[in-house]
Amino acid sequence: MTALLTRRKAALVAVSLVLGACSPDKPPFRGIDITGADYARDFKLADHNGQLRSMADFRGRVVVIFFGFAQCPDVCPTAMAELAEVKRLLGADADKLQGLFITLDPERDTPEVLKAYMGNFDPTFLALRPTPQELPDLAKHFKIFYKKNEGKTAGSYTLDHTAASYVFDRQGRVRLYTRHGMGPVALAEDLKILLKGT
């Protein structure tokens, strides 16, 4: 009986080793691995310079997308400042990062406003501006929540919104979902893994 149990145990170990060899280990990402997701795949939006953009424009670079609005008092500027710090932490690979900010407030976030806003963080970052008609479908495709909270005057409203980023690899595939507050060091580590081609 003992010999039979030992043989079964040895067989189970052998099977687990074979299966382990067939399925490569996933890299140790700090963000949430969403590789293969059927959402957040692409877009066609004008940037703050008026140029129509899609993921194909950034092939060869890792892309980090954050949704927000220029009048956001805290989360949005913090996220963009942290992304600028991530770029610094990448050192020699800094030019392989493309930061994208997609506005959830196209009514107030004009191209001029967005261009000035990006200038506060990094001149290579781009702001993308959906039209008010495009925004609902875009937000649905990226699973982004946003809700307008009316202010005392027509233009003084604010927005509640998802505070997270999507990370795409150098082939333009969505790979990670990162929550706000992850910090620039952890995000830079994830981007370094993707830059190695994982």
Protein backbone atom coordinates (compact mmCIF):
# COMPACT_ATOMS: atom_id res chain seq x y z
CA MET A 1 0.00 0.00 0.00
CA THR A 2 2.83 2.38 0.89
CA ALA A 3 4.63 1.59 -2.37
CA LEU A 4 1.41 2.31 -4.32
CA LEU A 5 0.96 5.70 -2.60
CA THR A 6 4.60 6.54 -3.27
CA ARG A 7 4.19 5.72 -7.00
CA ARG A 8 1.01 7.84 -7.16
CA LYS A 9 2.78 10.71 -5.44
CA ALA A 10 5.71 10.44 -7.86
CA ALA A 11 3.29 10.39 -10.82
CA LEU A 12 1.52 13.52 -9.55
CA VAL A 13 4.84 15.32 -9.13
CA ALA A 14 5.86 14.33 -12.67
CA VAL A 15 2.55 15.57 -14.11
CA SER A 16 2.84 18.89 -12.28
CA LEU A 17 6.40 19.34 -13.56
CA VAL A 18 5.31 18.66 -17.15
CA LEU A 19 2.35 21.03 -16.87
CA GLY A 20 4.57 23.65 -15.28
CA ALA A 21 6.97 23.40 -18.22
CA CYS A 22 4.09 23.84 -20.67
CA SER A 23 2.70 27.00 -19.06
CA PRO A 24 5.31 29.74 -18.71
CA ASP A 25 5.32 31.69 -15.46
CA LYS A 26 3.52 34.99 -15.59
CA PRO A 27 5.73 37.99 -14.88
CA PRO A 28 5.38 39.42 -11.36
CA PHE A 29 3.37 42.55 -12.24
CA ARG A 30 2.35 44.93 -9.46
CA GLY A 31 -0.66 46.10 -11.47
CA ILE A 32 -3.60 43.86 -12.36
CA ASP A 33 -2.76 41.66 -15.36
CA ILE A 34 -5.62 41.91 -17.89
CA THR A 35 -3.72 40.47 -20.85
CA GLY A 36 -6.19 39.27 -23.48
CA ALA A 37 -9.08 41.47 -22.28
CA ASP A 38 -11.77 42.10 -24.89
CA TYR A 39 -12.19 45.75 -23.86
CA ALA A 40 -9.93 48.83 -23.76
CA ARG A 41 -8.39 47.83 -27.06
CA ASP A 42 -8.21 50.93 -29.23
CA PHE A 43 -9.55 54.40 -29.94
CA LYS A 44 -9.61 57.03 -32.66
CA LEU A 45 -9.42 60.43 -31.04
CA ALA A 46 -8.00 63.86 -31.81
CA ASP A 47 -5.05 64.92 -29.67
CA HIS A 48 -4.56 68.43 -28.31
CA ASN A 49 -2.77 69.37 -31.55
CA GLY A 50 -5.76 68.29 -33.67
CA GLN A 51 -4.09 65.12 -34.99
CA LEU A 52 -6.24 61.97 -35.12
CA ARG A 53 -4.62 59.23 -33.02
CA SER A 54 -5.01 55.50 -32.44
CA MET A 55 -2.92 52.84 -30.70
CA ALA A 56 -1.09 52.15 -33.98
CA ASP A 57 0.61 55.57 -33.68
CA PHE A 58 2.47 54.43 -30.58
CA ARG A 59 3.72 51.03 -31.75
CA GLY A 60 7.13 50.31 -30.22
CA ARG A 61 6.36 52.19 -26.98
CA VAL A 62 4.55 51.22 -23.81
CA VAL A 63 1.47 53.40 -23.40
CA VAL A 64 -0.19 54.47 -20.17
CA ILE A 65 -3.71 55.92 -20.49
CA PHE A 66 -5.42 57.88 -17.73
CA PHE A 67 -8.97 59.28 -17.96
CA GLY A 68 -9.68 62.54 -16.18
CA PHE A 69 -10.34 66.26 -16.59
CA ALA A 70 -8.17 69.35 -16.42
CA GLN A 71 -10.09 71.01 -13.57
CA CYS A 72 -9.73 67.93 -11.36
CA PRO A 73 -8.38 69.18 -8.01
CA ASP A 74 -6.28 66.23 -6.90
CA VAL A 75 -6.42 62.75 -8.46
CA CYS A 76 -5.71 63.74 -12.08
CA PRO A 77 -2.73 66.04 -11.47
CA THR A 78 -1.30 63.51 -9.02
CA ALA A 79 -1.63 60.69 -11.57
CA MET A 80 0.02 62.72 -14.32
CA ALA A 81 2.82 63.96 -12.04
CA GLU A 82 3.48 60.35 -11.01
CA LEU A 83 3.58 59.30 -14.66
CA ALA A 84 6.18 62.01 -15.32
CA GLU A 85 8.18 60.55 -12.41
CA VAL A 86 7.81 57.06 -13.93
CA LYS A 87 9.34 58.40 -17.13
CA ARG A 88 12.29 59.76 -15.15
CA LEU A 89 12.72 56.40 -13.39
CA LEU A 90 12.91 54.60 -16.74
CA GLY A 91 16.20 56.39 -17.42
CA ALA A 92 17.59 55.45 -20.84
CA ASP A 93 14.22 53.89 -21.78
CA ALA A 94 12.24 57.05 -21.01
CA ASP A 95 11.55 57.74 -24.69
CA LYS A 96 9.81 54.35 -24.93
CA LEU A 97 6.93 55.56 -22.71
CA GLN A 98 3.91 57.40 -24.11
CA GLY A 99 1.62 59.03 -21.58
CA LEU A 100 -1.95 59.69 -22.75
CA PHE A 101 -4.60 61.68 -20.90
CA ILE A 102 -8.16 61.22 -22.19
CA THR A 103 -10.52 63.94 -21.05
CA LEU A 104 -13.92 63.12 -19.60
CA ASP A 105 -14.83 66.80 -19.87
CA PRO A 106 -14.72 67.75 -23.57
CA GLU A 107 -17.04 70.71 -22.95
CA ARG A 108 -14.46 72.63 -20.89
CA ASP A 109 -11.27 70.83 -21.94
CA THR A 110 -10.59 72.56 -25.23
CA PRO A 111 -7.44 71.66 -27.21
CA GLU A 112 -5.79 74.81 -25.85
CA VAL A 113 -6.63 73.92 -22.25
CA LEU A 114 -5.39 70.35 -22.71
CA LYS A 115 -2.14 71.44 -24.36
CA ALA A 116 -1.39 73.77 -21.44
CA TYR A 117 -2.36 71.03 -18.97
CA MET A 118 0.03 68.49 -20.52
CA GLY A 119 2.78 71.12 -20.44
CA ASN A 120 2.59 71.01 -16.64
CA PHE A 121 3.78 67.39 -16.62
CA ASP A 122 5.78 66.35 -19.67
CA PRO A 123 5.94 67.86 -23.16
CA THR A 124 5.76 64.42 -24.79
CA PHE A 125 2.51 63.45 -23.07
CA LEU A 126 -0.60 63.86 -25.20
CA ALA A 127 -4.15 64.72 -24.24
CA LEU A 128 -6.93 63.15 -26.30
CA ARG A 129 -10.36 64.71 -26.62
CA PRO A 130 -13.46 62.73 -27.53
CA THR A 131 -16.48 64.71 -28.64
CA PRO A 132 -19.41 64.80 -26.20
CA GLN A 133 -21.13 62.33 -28.54
CA GLU A 134 -18.15 59.92 -28.60
CA LEU A 135 -17.51 59.99 -24.86
CA PRO A 136 -20.27 57.61 -23.60
CA ASP A 137 -19.27 54.76 -25.96
CA LEU A 138 -15.56 55.32 -25.32
CA ALA A 139 -16.06 55.23 -21.54
CA LYS A 140 -18.15 52.06 -21.88
CA HIS A 141 -15.46 50.39 -24.03
CA PHE A 142 -12.78 51.22 -21.45
CA LYS A 143 -15.08 50.45 -18.48
CA ILE A 144 -14.60 53.96 -17.12
CA PHE A 145 -17.16 55.42 -14.73
CA TYR A 146 -17.81 59.16 -14.76
CA LYS A 147 -20.61 61.29 -13.35
CA LYS A 148 -21.18 65.02 -13.57
CA ASN A 149 -21.89 66.82 -10.29
CA GLU A 150 -23.56 70.16 -10.91
CA GLY A 151 -22.01 73.25 -9.36
CA LYS A 152 -23.48 76.62 -8.40
CA THR A 153 -23.09 77.86 -11.97
CA ALA A 154 -23.31 76.11 -15.34
CA GLY A 155 -19.53 75.89 -15.78
CA SER A 156 -18.56 75.08 -12.19
CA TYR A 157 -19.48 71.39 -12.19
CA THR A 158 -17.06 68.68 -11.18
CA LEU A 159 -16.75 65.00 -12.13
CA ASP A 160 -16.54 61.79 -10.17
CA HIS A 161 -14.58 59.25 -12.22
CA THR A 162 -12.57 56.06 -12.22
CA ALA A 163 -9.07 56.74 -10.91
CA ALA A 164 -6.93 54.14 -12.65
CA SER A 165 -4.72 53.69 -15.69
CA TYR A 166 -4.49 51.20 -18.53
CA VAL A 167 -1.06 50.02 -19.66
CA PHE A 168 -0.41 48.75 -23.18
CA ASP A 169 2.67 46.87 -24.36
CA ARG A 170 4.87 47.80 -27.30
CA GLN A 171 2.62 45.88 -29.73
CA GLY A 172 -0.41 47.94 -28.67
CA ARG A 173 -2.06 45.20 -26.57
CA VAL A 174 -3.75 46.09 -23.29
CA ARG A 175 -1.84 44.37 -20.49
CA LEU A 176 -2.37 46.03 -17.11
CA TYR A 177 -4.92 47.93 -15.06
CA THR A 178 -3.31 50.01 -12.34
CA ARG A 179 -5.22 51.61 -9.48
CA HIS A 180 -4.53 55.16 -8.36
CA GLY A 181 -2.02 55.24 -5.53
CA MET A 182 0.13 52.40 -6.86
CA GLY A 183 3.05 54.82 -6.93
CA PRO A 184 5.64 55.62 -9.59
CA VAL A 185 8.24 53.05 -8.46
CA ALA A 186 5.86 50.09 -8.77
CA LEU A 187 4.53 51.29 -12.13
CA ALA A 188 8.06 51.84 -13.45
CA GLU A 189 8.93 48.26 -12.48
CA ASP A 190 5.93 46.93 -14.44
CA LEU A 191 6.86 49.03 -17.47
CA LYS A 192 10.43 47.73 -17.37
CA ILE A 193 9.05 44.17 -17.58
CA LEU A 194 6.93 45.12 -20.60
CA LEU A 195 9.85 46.91 -22.24
CA LYS A 196 11.79 43.64 -22.11
CA GLY A 197 9.13 42.18 -24.37
CA THR A 198 7.19 40.03 -21.89
